[in-house]
Amino acid sequence: MGQDIQDRLANLRAAPRCGARNRAGNPCQCAAIRGRARCRFHGGRSTGAPRGPANRNYVDGFHTVEAKEERRWLRALLNAHAKKEDTR
C-alpha cells in the first residue's frame, strides 16, 4: 500500500504545471488539466456558458450570433439595393 502512495505522489510531481501567473508574477503551482495549459482554477475546465435556450438568461434569441448575422446580411442587401436606386 505504501508503494501505491509513492507512485501517485511521483505522478503528481511529474505533472505539467499551470501556465498562469499570480499578481507577483510567479507561476501557479497547480497541476494543469490533462490536455490543457491551465489548472482548474485558471480556466482549464470551463467551456463557457451554454448557447441558446439551454442558457437560463436566454430570452428571445434577438442577440444570438445567428440573429445578428442575419440582420447584418439583410442590412447589406438593403444598402446594395438602395445604391442601385440612387444610380438610376
N, C-alpha and C. Protein backbone atom coordinates (compact mmCIF):
# COMPACT_ATOMS: atom_id res chain seq x y z
N MET A 1 0.82 -1.19 0.00
CA MET A 1 0.00 0.00 0.00
C MET A 1 0.86 1.25 0.00
N GLY A 2 1.95 1.27 0.72
CA GLY A 2 2.84 2.41 0.76
C GLY A 2 3.45 2.71 -0.60
N GLN A 3 3.72 1.65 -1.37
CA GLN A 3 4.29 1.83 -2.71
C GLN A 3 3.30 2.52 -3.63
N ASP A 4 2.01 2.22 -3.51
CA ASP A 4 0.97 2.83 -4.32
C ASP A 4 0.92 4.35 -4.07
N ILE A 5 1.01 4.75 -2.84
CA ILE A 5 1.00 6.17 -2.49
C ILE A 5 2.24 6.86 -3.05
N GLN A 6 3.39 6.20 -2.97
CA GLN A 6 4.63 6.75 -3.51
C GLN A 6 4.52 6.96 -5.03
N ASP A 7 3.92 5.99 -5.72
CA ASP A 7 3.75 6.11 -7.17
C ASP A 7 2.82 7.28 -7.51
N ARG A 8 1.75 7.43 -6.76
CA ARG A 8 0.82 8.53 -7.01
C ARG A 8 1.47 9.89 -6.78
N LEU A 9 2.24 10.00 -5.72
CA LEU A 9 2.94 11.26 -5.43
C LEU A 9 3.96 11.57 -6.52
N ALA A 10 4.64 10.56 -7.02
CA ALA A 10 5.61 10.77 -8.08
C ALA A 10 4.91 11.24 -9.36
N ASN A 11 3.73 10.69 -9.66
CA ASN A 11 2.97 11.11 -10.83
C ASN A 11 2.50 12.55 -10.68
N LEU A 12 2.07 12.93 -9.48
CA LEU A 12 1.64 14.31 -9.25
C LEU A 12 2.79 15.29 -9.43
N ARG A 13 3.96 14.93 -8.93
CA ARG A 13 5.11 15.81 -9.07
C ARG A 13 5.55 15.96 -10.52
N ALA A 14 5.35 14.92 -11.34
CA ALA A 14 5.78 14.94 -12.74
C ALA A 14 4.77 15.61 -13.66
N ALA A 15 3.57 15.92 -13.15
CA ALA A 15 2.53 16.52 -13.99
C ALA A 15 2.93 17.91 -14.45
N PRO A 16 2.54 18.29 -15.69
CA PRO A 16 2.84 19.66 -16.15
C PRO A 16 2.11 20.68 -15.30
N ARG A 17 2.72 21.84 -15.11
CA ARG A 17 2.17 22.88 -14.25
C ARG A 17 1.35 23.88 -15.05
N CYS A 18 0.48 24.58 -14.37
CA CYS A 18 -0.37 25.62 -14.95
C CYS A 18 0.50 26.76 -15.46
N GLY A 19 0.11 27.38 -16.58
CA GLY A 19 0.89 28.46 -17.16
C GLY A 19 0.50 29.83 -16.66
N ALA A 20 -0.51 29.92 -15.78
CA ALA A 20 -0.97 31.23 -15.28
C ALA A 20 0.03 31.81 -14.29
N ARG A 21 -0.03 33.11 -14.14
CA ARG A 21 0.85 33.78 -13.18
C ARG A 21 0.01 34.56 -12.18
N ASN A 22 0.52 34.67 -10.95
CA ASN A 22 -0.20 35.42 -9.92
C ASN A 22 0.17 36.90 -9.99
N ARG A 23 -0.34 37.69 -9.08
CA ARG A 23 -0.09 39.14 -9.09
C ARG A 23 1.38 39.48 -8.93
N ALA A 24 2.11 38.66 -8.22
CA ALA A 24 3.53 38.92 -8.02
C ALA A 24 4.36 38.48 -9.21
N GLY A 25 3.75 37.82 -10.19
CA GLY A 25 4.45 37.38 -11.38
C GLY A 25 4.99 35.97 -11.28
N ASN A 26 4.72 35.30 -10.17
CA ASN A 26 5.18 33.92 -10.00
C ASN A 26 4.20 32.96 -10.67
N PRO A 27 4.70 31.86 -11.23
CA PRO A 27 3.79 30.91 -11.89
C PRO A 27 2.92 30.17 -10.87
N CYS A 28 1.72 29.80 -11.31
CA CYS A 28 0.82 28.98 -10.49
C CYS A 28 1.48 27.62 -10.30
N GLN A 29 1.33 27.05 -9.14
CA GLN A 29 1.99 25.78 -8.87
C GLN A 29 1.06 24.58 -8.96
N CYS A 30 -0.20 24.81 -9.36
CA CYS A 30 -1.15 23.71 -9.51
C CYS A 30 -0.84 22.90 -10.76
N ALA A 31 -1.24 21.66 -10.76
CA ALA A 31 -1.08 20.82 -11.94
C ALA A 31 -2.11 21.22 -12.99
N ALA A 32 -1.70 21.26 -14.26
CA ALA A 32 -2.61 21.60 -15.35
C ALA A 32 -3.57 20.45 -15.61
N ILE A 33 -4.75 20.77 -16.12
CA ILE A 33 -5.72 19.74 -16.50
C ILE A 33 -5.12 18.98 -17.68
N ARG A 34 -5.37 17.69 -17.75
CA ARG A 34 -4.83 16.85 -18.82
C ARG A 34 -5.24 17.39 -20.19
N GLY A 35 -4.27 17.66 -21.04
CA GLY A 35 -4.53 18.17 -22.37
C GLY A 35 -4.69 19.67 -22.47
N ARG A 36 -4.52 20.38 -21.38
CA ARG A 36 -4.67 21.84 -21.39
C ARG A 36 -3.47 22.48 -20.71
N ALA A 37 -3.40 23.82 -20.84
CA ALA A 37 -2.25 24.54 -20.29
C ALA A 37 -2.56 25.20 -18.95
N ARG A 38 -3.81 25.09 -18.48
CA ARG A 38 -4.21 25.77 -17.24
C ARG A 38 -4.79 24.77 -16.24
N CYS A 39 -4.74 25.16 -14.97
CA CYS A 39 -5.31 24.33 -13.90
C CYS A 39 -6.81 24.57 -13.80
N ARG A 40 -7.46 23.88 -12.92
CA ARG A 40 -8.91 24.01 -12.77
C ARG A 40 -9.31 25.37 -12.24
N PHE A 41 -8.42 26.06 -11.56
CA PHE A 41 -8.73 27.38 -11.02
C PHE A 41 -8.60 28.48 -12.07
N HIS A 42 -7.75 28.26 -13.07
CA HIS A 42 -7.47 29.30 -14.06
C HIS A 42 -8.10 29.00 -15.42
N GLY A 43 -9.19 28.29 -15.45
CA GLY A 43 -9.94 28.13 -16.69
C GLY A 43 -9.68 26.84 -17.44
N GLY A 44 -9.08 25.87 -16.83
CA GLY A 44 -8.82 24.61 -17.52
C GLY A 44 -10.08 23.81 -17.77
N ARG A 45 -11.08 23.92 -16.92
CA ARG A 45 -12.28 23.10 -17.05
C ARG A 45 -13.41 23.79 -17.80
N SER A 46 -13.49 25.07 -17.68
CA SER A 46 -14.64 25.80 -18.19
C SER A 46 -14.67 25.83 -19.71
N THR A 47 -15.82 25.55 -20.29
CA THR A 47 -16.01 25.67 -21.74
C THR A 47 -16.93 26.83 -22.04
N GLY A 48 -17.36 27.54 -21.01
CA GLY A 48 -18.23 28.69 -21.20
C GLY A 48 -19.69 28.34 -20.97
N ALA A 49 -20.53 29.35 -21.00
CA ALA A 49 -21.95 29.14 -20.79
C ALA A 49 -22.58 28.46 -22.00
N PRO A 50 -23.64 27.69 -21.81
CA PRO A 50 -24.29 27.07 -22.96
C PRO A 50 -24.95 28.11 -23.84
N ARG A 51 -25.09 27.81 -25.13
CA ARG A 51 -25.69 28.75 -26.06
C ARG A 51 -27.17 28.44 -26.23
N GLY A 52 -27.92 29.47 -26.56
CA GLY A 52 -29.33 29.31 -26.88
C GLY A 52 -30.21 29.05 -25.68
N PRO A 53 -31.32 28.35 -25.89
CA PRO A 53 -32.29 28.12 -24.81
C PRO A 53 -31.74 27.33 -23.61
N ALA A 54 -30.61 26.66 -23.77
CA ALA A 54 -30.02 25.93 -22.65
C ALA A 54 -29.50 26.89 -21.58
N ASN A 55 -29.21 28.13 -21.98
CA ASN A 55 -28.74 29.14 -21.03
C ASN A 55 -29.95 29.76 -20.33
N ARG A 56 -29.90 29.86 -19.01
CA ARG A 56 -31.04 30.36 -18.25
C ARG A 56 -31.34 31.83 -18.52
N ASN A 57 -30.38 32.60 -19.05
CA ASN A 57 -30.59 34.01 -19.35
C ASN A 57 -31.14 34.23 -20.75
N TYR A 58 -31.32 33.17 -21.53
CA TYR A 58 -31.84 33.27 -22.90
C TYR A 58 -33.29 33.76 -22.84
N VAL A 59 -33.62 34.79 -23.61
CA VAL A 59 -34.97 35.34 -23.58
C VAL A 59 -35.69 35.07 -24.89
N ASP A 60 -35.23 35.70 -25.98
CA ASP A 60 -35.97 35.57 -27.22
C ASP A 60 -35.09 35.29 -28.43
N GLY A 61 -33.80 35.27 -28.29
CA GLY A 61 -32.91 34.97 -29.40
C GLY A 61 -32.55 36.18 -30.25
N PHE A 62 -32.92 37.38 -29.84
CA PHE A 62 -32.64 38.59 -30.61
C PHE A 62 -31.14 38.86 -30.69
N HIS A 63 -30.40 38.52 -29.65
CA HIS A 63 -28.97 38.82 -29.60
C HIS A 63 -28.09 37.60 -29.87
N THR A 64 -28.61 36.55 -30.47
CA THR A 64 -27.79 35.39 -30.79
C THR A 64 -26.88 35.71 -31.96
N VAL A 65 -25.83 34.94 -32.11
CA VAL A 65 -24.88 35.16 -33.20
C VAL A 65 -25.58 35.03 -34.54
N GLU A 66 -26.46 34.04 -34.65
CA GLU A 66 -27.17 33.82 -35.90
C GLU A 66 -28.08 34.99 -36.24
N ALA A 67 -28.80 35.51 -35.25
CA ALA A 67 -29.73 36.62 -35.49
C ALA A 67 -28.96 37.88 -35.90
N LYS A 68 -27.85 38.14 -35.26
CA LYS A 68 -27.05 39.32 -35.60
C LYS A 68 -26.49 39.19 -37.02
N GLU A 69 -26.05 37.98 -37.36
CA GLU A 69 -25.52 37.74 -38.70
C GLU A 69 -26.61 37.93 -39.76
N GLU A 70 -27.81 37.47 -39.48
CA GLU A 70 -28.92 37.63 -40.41
C GLU A 70 -29.27 39.10 -40.59
N ARG A 71 -29.27 39.88 -39.53
CA ARG A 71 -29.56 41.31 -39.63
C ARG A 71 -28.48 42.04 -40.42
N ARG A 72 -27.21 41.64 -40.21
CA ARG A 72 -26.11 42.24 -40.97
C ARG A 72 -26.27 41.97 -42.47
N TRP A 73 -26.62 40.72 -42.80
CA TRP A 73 -26.82 40.33 -44.19
C TRP A 73 -27.96 41.13 -44.82
N LEU A 74 -29.07 41.24 -44.11
CA LEU A 74 -30.23 41.97 -44.62
C LEU A 74 -29.91 43.45 -44.81
N ARG A 75 -29.17 44.04 -43.86
CA ARG A 75 -28.78 45.44 -43.96
C ARG A 75 -27.89 45.67 -45.18
N ALA A 76 -26.94 44.75 -45.43
CA ALA A 76 -26.07 44.86 -46.59
C ALA A 76 -26.87 44.74 -47.88
N LEU A 77 -27.85 43.84 -47.90
CA LEU A 77 -28.70 43.66 -49.08
C LEU A 77 -29.51 44.92 -49.34
N LEU A 78 -30.08 45.52 -48.31
CA LEU A 78 -30.86 46.75 -48.47
C LEU A 78 -29.97 47.91 -48.93
N ASN A 79 -28.78 48.01 -48.37
CA ASN A 79 -27.85 49.07 -48.78
C ASN A 79 -27.45 48.90 -50.24
N ALA A 80 -27.19 47.67 -50.67
CA ALA A 80 -26.83 47.42 -52.07
C ALA A 80 -27.98 47.79 -52.98
N HIS A 81 -29.19 47.47 -52.58
CA HIS A 81 -30.36 47.80 -53.39
C HIS A 81 -30.57 49.32 -53.43
N ALA A 82 -30.35 49.99 -52.33
CA ALA A 82 -30.53 51.45 -52.27
C ALA A 82 -29.50 52.14 -53.16
N LYS A 83 -28.29 51.63 -53.26
CA LYS A 83 -27.25 52.20 -54.12
C LYS A 83 -27.65 52.05 -55.59
N LYS A 84 -28.28 50.93 -55.94
CA LYS A 84 -28.74 50.73 -57.33
C LYS A 84 -29.81 51.78 -57.68
N GLU A 85 -30.70 52.04 -56.73
CA GLU A 85 -31.77 53.02 -56.95
C GLU A 85 -31.20 54.43 -57.11
N ASP A 86 -30.13 54.74 -56.40
CA ASP A 86 -29.53 56.08 -56.47
C ASP A 86 -28.86 56.32 -57.81
N THR A 87 -28.33 55.29 -58.42
CA THR A 87 -27.61 55.44 -59.68
C THR A 87 -28.54 55.57 -60.87
N ARG A 88 -29.81 55.26 -60.73
CA ARG A 88 -30.76 55.35 -61.85
C ARG A 88 -31.18 56.75 -62.14
